[in-house]
Amino acid sequence: MSRRLPPLLALSALLIAALAVAGCGSSGGGNSGGTHPDYAKALKGAPAPLAALYEQGNELLPGGTEAFEEKIGQLRGYPVVANVWASWCGPCQFEFPVLQKLSARYGKQVAFVGVNSEDSEAAAKTFLREEPVPYPSYTDSDRKIARSLGADVGLPDTAFFDKQGKLVYLKQGPYAHDSELEEDVRHYALESG
């Protein structure tokens, strides 16, 4: 005689599983609309090329790979951290508060840039309203920018460029812990940037 779950217990388990899956696609981030750094205060006095970058903060920029590569070239002299993200990506949502903190902390020495990949513009704009960052993101609905970086596994991805604009490291997939992302910023952008 086989044991079957009582119908109410089976229904409860199904409901919990559905809620867990729905939560992975929500537009809320690790901050869930919470506080973020005071970027104006944190980045006041940034060198001119970085200040110009941050004037485009929280914007979605068009232009694809060509515009992205042009921006990396304009930032020559500063290491660049480029984060590939999407509003629907759960791990991206949890990395955003870390990127907010790190861009405020290191943004006078390191340029931060986003790449919004495989996302609708409306969803990305809504997400950025909830989780603002001081830097712009390039629209990459066709993943051409991500592929040009070698990011072909999934999201998020984080690319590190040295002061000459050369890609020196690509972290594919999410960081297991906030401290690992900060460690990579320190190592690839500050120490060897």
C-alpha atoms as a PDB file:
ATOM      1  CA  MET A   1       0.000   0.000   0.000  1.00  0.00           C
ATOM      2  CA  SER A   2       1.544   3.327  -1.051  1.00  0.00           C
ATOM      3  CA  ARG A   3       1.443   6.387   1.147  1.00  0.00           C
ATOM      4  CA  ARG A   4      -0.011   9.530  -0.437  1.00  0.00           C
ATOM      5  CA  LEU A   5       0.172  13.063   0.852  1.00  0.00           C
ATOM      6  CA  PRO A   6      -3.113  14.383   2.156  1.00  0.00           C
ATOM      7  CA  PRO A   7      -4.607  16.730  -0.486  1.00  0.00           C
ATOM      8  CA  LEU A   8      -4.246  19.832   1.710  1.00  0.00           C
ATOM      9  CA  LEU A   9      -0.545  19.132   2.357  1.00  0.00           C
ATOM     10  CA  ALA A  10       0.102  18.509  -1.353  1.00  0.00           C
ATOM     11  CA  LEU A  11      -1.704  21.745  -2.268  1.00  0.00           C
ATOM     12  CA  SER A  12       0.325  23.669   0.347  1.00  0.00           C
ATOM     13  CA  ALA A  13       3.601  22.301  -1.032  1.00  0.00           C
ATOM     14  CA  LEU A  14       2.561  23.281  -4.558  1.00  0.00           C
ATOM     15  CA  LEU A  15       1.625  26.800  -3.408  1.00  0.00           C
ATOM     16  CA  ILE A  16       4.976  27.265  -1.615  1.00  0.00           C
ATOM     17  CA  ALA A  17       6.862  26.123  -4.726  1.00  0.00           C
ATOM     18  CA  ALA A  18       4.872  28.525  -6.927  1.00  0.00           C
ATOM     19  CA  LEU A  19       5.580  31.441  -4.588  1.00  0.00           C
ATOM     20  CA  ALA A  20       9.293  30.622  -4.553  1.00  0.00           C
ATOM     21  CA  VAL A  21       9.441  30.598  -8.355  1.00  0.00           C
ATOM     22  CA  ALA A  22       7.442  33.844  -8.599  1.00  0.00           C
ATOM     23  CA  GLY A  23       9.789  35.509  -6.126  1.00  0.00           C
ATOM     24  CA  CYS A  24      12.791  34.829  -8.386  1.00  0.00           C
ATOM     25  CA  GLY A  25      11.292  36.975 -11.121  1.00  0.00           C
ATOM     26  CA  SER A  26      10.199  39.922  -9.033  1.00  0.00           C
ATOM     27  CA  SER A  27      11.622  43.360  -9.680  1.00  0.00           C
ATOM     28  CA  GLY A  28      12.506  43.885  -6.032  1.00  0.00           C
ATOM     29  CA  GLY A  29      16.196  43.802  -5.279  1.00  0.00           C
ATOM     30  CA  GLY A  30      18.307  43.005  -2.296  1.00  0.00           C
ATOM     31  CA  ASN A  31      17.369  46.420  -0.938  1.00  0.00           C
ATOM     32  CA  SER A  32      13.698  45.943  -1.814  1.00  0.00           C
ATOM     33  CA  GLY A  33      13.367  49.625  -2.511  1.00  0.00           C
ATOM     34  CA  GLY A  34      15.361  50.404   0.608  1.00  0.00           C
ATOM     35  CA  THR A  35      18.014  53.011   1.139  1.00  0.00           C
ATOM     36  CA  HIS A  36      21.015  53.490  -1.070  1.00  0.00           C
ATOM     37  CA  PRO A  37      24.155  55.579  -0.622  1.00  0.00           C
ATOM     38  CA  ASP A  38      24.094  59.358  -1.015  1.00  0.00           C
ATOM     39  CA  TYR A  39      25.855  59.319  -4.382  1.00  0.00           C
ATOM     40  CA  ALA A  40      26.143  63.111  -4.706  1.00  0.00           C
ATOM     41  CA  LYS A  41      27.997  63.280  -1.405  1.00  0.00           C
ATOM     42  CA  ALA A  42      30.077  60.122  -1.944  1.00  0.00           C
ATOM     43  CA  LEU A  43      31.204  61.033  -5.478  1.00  0.00           C
ATOM     44  CA  LYS A  44      31.675  64.786  -4.985  1.00  0.00           C
ATOM     45  CA  GLY A  45      35.054  65.808  -6.361  1.00  0.00           C
ATOM     46  CA  ALA A  46      35.392  62.814  -8.696  1.00  0.00           C
ATOM     47  CA  PRO A  47      37.848  63.375 -11.583  1.00  0.00           C
ATOM     48  CA  ALA A  48      36.219  64.927 -14.674  1.00  0.00           C
ATOM     49  CA  PRO A  49      35.880  61.704 -16.762  1.00  0.00           C
ATOM     50  CA  LEU A  50      34.227  59.897 -13.844  1.00  0.00           C
ATOM     51  CA  ALA A  51      32.052  62.890 -12.959  1.00  0.00           C
ATOM     52  CA  ALA A  52      30.850  62.985 -16.600  1.00  0.00           C
ATOM     53  CA  LEU A  53      30.018  59.276 -16.397  1.00  0.00           C
ATOM     54  CA  TYR A  54      28.045  59.769 -13.207  1.00  0.00           C
ATOM     55  CA  GLU A  55      26.066  62.629 -14.778  1.00  0.00           C
ATOM     56  CA  GLN A  56      24.401  59.813 -16.761  1.00  0.00           C
ATOM     57  CA  GLY A  57      23.670  57.878 -13.575  1.00  0.00           C
ATOM     58  CA  ASN A  58      20.730  55.503 -13.603  1.00  0.00           C
ATOM     59  CA  GLU A  59      20.127  56.059 -17.344  1.00  0.00           C
ATOM     60  CA  LEU A  60      19.694  53.374 -19.991  1.00  0.00           C
ATOM     61  CA  LEU A  61      21.907  54.255 -22.941  1.00  0.00           C
ATOM     62  CA  PRO A  62      21.470  53.040 -26.528  1.00  0.00           C
ATOM     63  CA  GLY A  63      24.183  52.303 -29.033  1.00  0.00           C
ATOM     64  CA  GLY A  64      25.053  48.673 -28.431  1.00  0.00           C
ATOM     65  CA  THR A  65      28.568  47.286 -28.510  1.00  0.00           C
ATOM     66  CA  GLU A  66      30.018  50.261 -30.389  1.00  0.00           C
ATOM     67  CA  ALA A  67      28.782  52.794 -27.812  1.00  0.00           C
ATOM     68  CA  PHE A  68      29.850  50.563 -24.908  1.00  0.00           C
ATOM     69  CA  GLU A  69      33.370  50.131 -26.308  1.00  0.00           C
ATOM     70  CA  GLU A  70      33.581  53.859 -27.017  1.00  0.00           C
ATOM     71  CA  LYS A  71      32.718  54.557 -23.359  1.00  0.00           C
ATOM     72  CA  ILE A  72      35.428  52.144 -22.173  1.00  0.00           C
ATOM     73  CA  GLY A  73      37.861  54.048 -24.420  1.00  0.00           C
ATOM     74  CA  GLN A  74      36.746  57.414 -22.995  1.00  0.00           C
ATOM     75  CA  LEU A  75      37.464  56.091 -19.513  1.00  0.00           C
ATOM     76  CA  ARG A  76      41.077  55.232 -20.343  1.00  0.00           C
ATOM     77  CA  GLY A  77      43.204  56.110 -17.344  1.00  0.00           C
ATOM     78  CA  TYR A  78      40.696  54.562 -14.922  1.00  0.00           C
ATOM     79  CA  PRO A  79      39.886  50.917 -14.270  1.00  0.00           C
ATOM     80  CA  VAL A  80      36.316  49.959 -15.191  1.00  0.00           C
ATOM     81  CA  VAL A  81      33.900  47.516 -13.569  1.00  0.00           C
ATOM     82  CA  ALA A  82      31.099  46.574 -15.980  1.00  0.00           C
ATOM     83  CA  ASN A  83      28.176  44.612 -14.548  1.00  0.00           C
ATOM     84  CA  VAL A  84      25.850  42.703 -16.908  1.00  0.00           C
ATOM     85  CA  TRP A  85      22.390  42.479 -15.326  1.00  0.00           C
ATOM     86  CA  ALA A  86      18.645  42.161 -15.939  1.00  0.00           C
ATOM     87  CA  SER A  87      15.678  43.240 -13.823  1.00  0.00           C
ATOM     88  CA  TRP A  88      14.208  39.714 -13.848  1.00  0.00           C
ATOM     89  CA  CYS A  89      17.449  38.061 -12.685  1.00  0.00           C
ATOM     90  CA  GLY A  90      17.295  37.133  -8.989  1.00  0.00           C
ATOM     91  CA  PRO A  91      21.080  36.973  -8.442  1.00  0.00           C
ATOM     92  CA  CYS A  92      21.429  40.364 -10.211  1.00  0.00           C
ATOM     93  CA  GLN A  93      18.883  41.834  -7.808  1.00  0.00           C
ATOM     94  CA  PHE A  94      20.906  40.638  -4.836  1.00  0.00           C
ATOM     95  CA  GLU A  95      24.185  41.988  -6.249  1.00  0.00           C
ATOM     96  CA  PHE A  96      22.767  45.471  -6.898  1.00  0.00           C
ATOM     97  CA  PRO A  97      22.988  46.698  -3.273  1.00  0.00           C
ATOM     98  CA  VAL A  98      26.642  45.622  -3.241  1.00  0.00           C
ATOM     99  CA  LEU A  99      27.288  47.492  -6.486  1.00  0.00           C
ATOM    100  CA  GLN A 100      25.518  50.544  -5.043  1.00  0.00           C
ATOM    101  CA  LYS A 101      27.802  50.472  -2.015  1.00  0.00           C
ATOM    102  CA  LEU A 102      31.001  49.771  -3.987  1.00  0.00           C
ATOM    103  CA  SER A 103      30.326  52.434  -6.628  1.00  0.00           C
ATOM    104  CA  ALA A 104      29.827  54.997  -3.851  1.00  0.00           C
ATOM    105  CA  ARG A 105      32.945  53.837  -2.000  1.00  0.00           C
ATOM    106  CA  TYR A 106      35.345  53.471  -4.944  1.00  0.00           C
ATOM    107  CA  GLY A 107      33.697  55.632  -7.626  1.00  0.00           C
ATOM    108  CA  LYS A 108      36.349  58.359  -7.458  1.00  0.00           C
ATOM    109  CA  GLN A 109      39.018  55.835  -8.487  1.00  0.00           C
ATOM    110  CA  VAL A 110      37.085  53.258 -10.492  1.00  0.00           C
ATOM    111  CA  ALA A 111      34.488  53.728 -13.237  1.00  0.00           C
ATOM    112  CA  PHE A 112      31.350  51.625 -12.913  1.00  0.00           C
ATOM    113  CA  VAL A 113      29.123  50.858 -15.908  1.00  0.00           C
ATOM    114  CA  GLY A 114      26.102  48.602 -16.330  1.00  0.00           C
ATOM    115  CA  VAL A 115      24.926  46.460 -19.228  1.00  0.00           C
ATOM    116  CA  ASN A 116      21.194  45.694 -19.111  1.00  0.00           C
ATOM    117  CA  SER A 117      20.902  42.425 -21.014  1.00  0.00           C
ATOM    118  CA  GLU A 118      17.875  40.487 -22.310  1.00  0.00           C
ATOM    119  CA  ASP A 119      15.471  42.848 -20.576  1.00  0.00           C
ATOM    120  CA  SER A 120      12.644  45.153 -21.560  1.00  0.00           C
ATOM    121  CA  GLU A 121      13.369  48.858 -21.246  1.00  0.00           C
ATOM    122  CA  ALA A 122      10.232  49.397 -19.151  1.00  0.00           C
ATOM    123  CA  ALA A 123      11.180  46.670 -16.649  1.00  0.00           C
ATOM    124  CA  ALA A 124      14.773  47.944 -16.450  1.00  0.00           C
ATOM    125  CA  LYS A 125      13.625  51.527 -15.822  1.00  0.00           C
ATOM    126  CA  THR A 126      11.251  50.379 -13.082  1.00  0.00           C
ATOM    127  CA  PHE A 127      14.039  48.382 -11.456  1.00  0.00           C
ATOM    128  CA  LEU A 128      16.453  51.334 -11.607  1.00  0.00           C
ATOM    129  CA  ARG A 129      13.845  53.589  -9.988  1.00  0.00           C
ATOM    130  CA  GLU A 130      13.696  51.132  -7.090  1.00  0.00           C
ATOM    131  CA  GLU A 131      17.451  50.392  -6.995  1.00  0.00           C
ATOM    132  CA  PRO A 132      19.253  53.490  -8.344  1.00  0.00           C
ATOM    133  CA  VAL A 133      22.941  53.442  -9.208  1.00  0.00           C
ATOM    134  CA  PRO A 134      25.174  56.449  -9.931  1.00  0.00           C
ATOM    135  CA  TYR A 135      26.321  55.072 -13.287  1.00  0.00           C
ATOM    136  CA  PRO A 136      24.564  54.413 -16.611  1.00  0.00           C
ATOM    137  CA  SER A 137      23.714  51.046 -18.150  1.00  0.00           C
ATOM    138  CA  TYR A 138      23.882  50.200 -21.823  1.00  0.00           C
ATOM    139  CA  THR A 139      20.843  48.496 -23.327  1.00  0.00           C
ATOM    140  CA  ASP A 140      21.787  45.013 -24.577  1.00  0.00           C
ATOM    141  CA  SER A 141      18.528  43.241 -25.407  1.00  0.00           C
ATOM    142  CA  ASP A 142      20.276  41.031 -27.984  1.00  0.00           C
ATOM    143  CA  ARG A 143      23.259  40.188 -25.686  1.00  0.00           C
ATOM    144  CA  LYS A 144      25.793  41.450 -28.237  1.00  0.00           C
ATOM    145  CA  ILE A 145      27.655  43.471 -25.606  1.00  0.00           C
ATOM    146  CA  ALA A 146      27.630  40.526 -23.190  1.00  0.00           C
ATOM    147  CA  ARG A 147      28.934  38.191 -25.910  1.00  0.00           C
ATOM    148  CA  SER A 148      31.669  40.687 -26.848  1.00  0.00           C
ATOM    149  CA  LEU A 149      32.861  40.398 -23.244  1.00  0.00           C
ATOM    150  CA  GLY A 150      32.805  36.600 -23.436  1.00  0.00           C
ATOM    151  CA  ALA A 151      29.813  36.388 -21.107  1.00  0.00           C
ATOM    152  CA  ASP A 152      27.880  33.444 -22.465  1.00  0.00           C
ATOM    153  CA  VAL A 153      26.854  31.420 -19.421  1.00  0.00           C
ATOM    154  CA  GLY A 154      24.068  33.479 -17.829  1.00  0.00           C
ATOM    155  CA  LEU A 155      23.547  36.445 -15.564  1.00  0.00           C
ATOM    156  CA  PRO A 156      24.937  38.327 -13.758  1.00  0.00           C
ATOM    157  CA  ASP A 157      28.415  38.771 -15.182  1.00  0.00           C
ATOM    158  CA  THR A 158      31.043  41.267 -14.074  1.00  0.00           C
ATOM    159  CA  ALA A 159      33.887  42.405 -16.336  1.00  0.00           C
ATOM    160  CA  PHE A 160      36.998  44.182 -15.097  1.00  0.00           C
ATOM    161  CA  PHE A 161      39.021  46.450 -17.391  1.00  0.00           C
ATOM    162  CA  ASP A 162      42.438  47.893 -16.562  1.00  0.00           C
ATOM    163  CA  LYS A 163      43.387  51.565 -16.976  1.00  0.00           C
ATOM    164  CA  GLN A 164      44.254  50.959 -20.634  1.00  0.00           C
ATOM    165  CA  GLY A 165      40.781  49.583 -21.358  1.00  0.00           C
ATOM    166  CA  LYS A 166      41.915  45.950 -21.609  1.00  0.00           C
ATOM    167  CA  LEU A 167      39.596  43.269 -20.246  1.00  0.00           C
ATOM    168  CA  VAL A 168      41.592  41.591 -17.474  1.00  0.00           C
ATOM    169  CA  TYR A 169      38.967  39.407 -15.788  1.00  0.00           C
ATOM    170  CA  LEU A 170      35.392  38.247 -16.358  1.00  0.00           C
ATOM    171  CA  LYS A 171      33.378  36.750 -13.509  1.00  0.00           C
ATOM    172  CA  GLN A 172      30.578  34.734 -15.072  1.00  0.00           C
ATOM    173  CA  GLY A 173      27.596  34.061 -12.871  1.00  0.00           C
ATOM    174  CA  PRO A 174      26.749  35.405  -9.448  1.00  0.00           C
ATOM    175  CA  TYR A 175      29.153  35.960  -6.600  1.00  0.00           C
ATOM    176  CA  ALA A 176      28.609  33.577  -3.705  1.00  0.00           C
ATOM    177  CA  HIS A 177      29.115  36.364  -1.167  1.00  0.00           C
ATOM    178  CA  ASP A 178      29.212  40.184  -1.143  1.00  0.00           C
ATOM    179  CA  SER A 179      32.796  40.148   0.093  1.00  0.00           C
ATOM    180  CA  GLU A 180      33.945  38.252  -3.029  1.00  0.00           C
ATOM    181  CA  LEU A 181      32.641  41.008  -5.305  1.00  0.00           C
ATOM    182  CA  GLU A 182      34.369  43.672  -3.225  1.00  0.00           C
ATOM    183  CA  GLU A 183      37.569  41.585  -3.186  1.00  0.00           C
ATOM    184  CA  ASP A 184      37.522  41.406  -7.003  1.00  0.00           C
ATOM    185  CA  VAL A 185      36.969  45.184  -7.274  1.00  0.00           C
ATOM    186  CA  ARG A 186      39.946  45.738  -5.003  1.00  0.00           C
ATOM    187  CA  HIS A 187      42.140  43.190  -6.782  1.00  0.00           C
ATOM    188  CA  TYR A 188      41.289  43.736 -10.472  1.00  0.00           C
ATOM    189  CA  ALA A 189      40.392  47.434 -10.393  1.00  0.00           C
ATOM    190  CA  LEU A 190      42.366  49.046  -7.581  1.00  0.00           C
ATOM    191  CA  GLU A 191      45.505  46.928  -7.187  1.00  0.00           C
ATOM    192  CA  SER A 192      46.146  45.904 -10.780  1.00  0.00           C
ATOM    193  CA  GLY A 193      43.960  48.557 -12.467  1.00  0.00           C
END
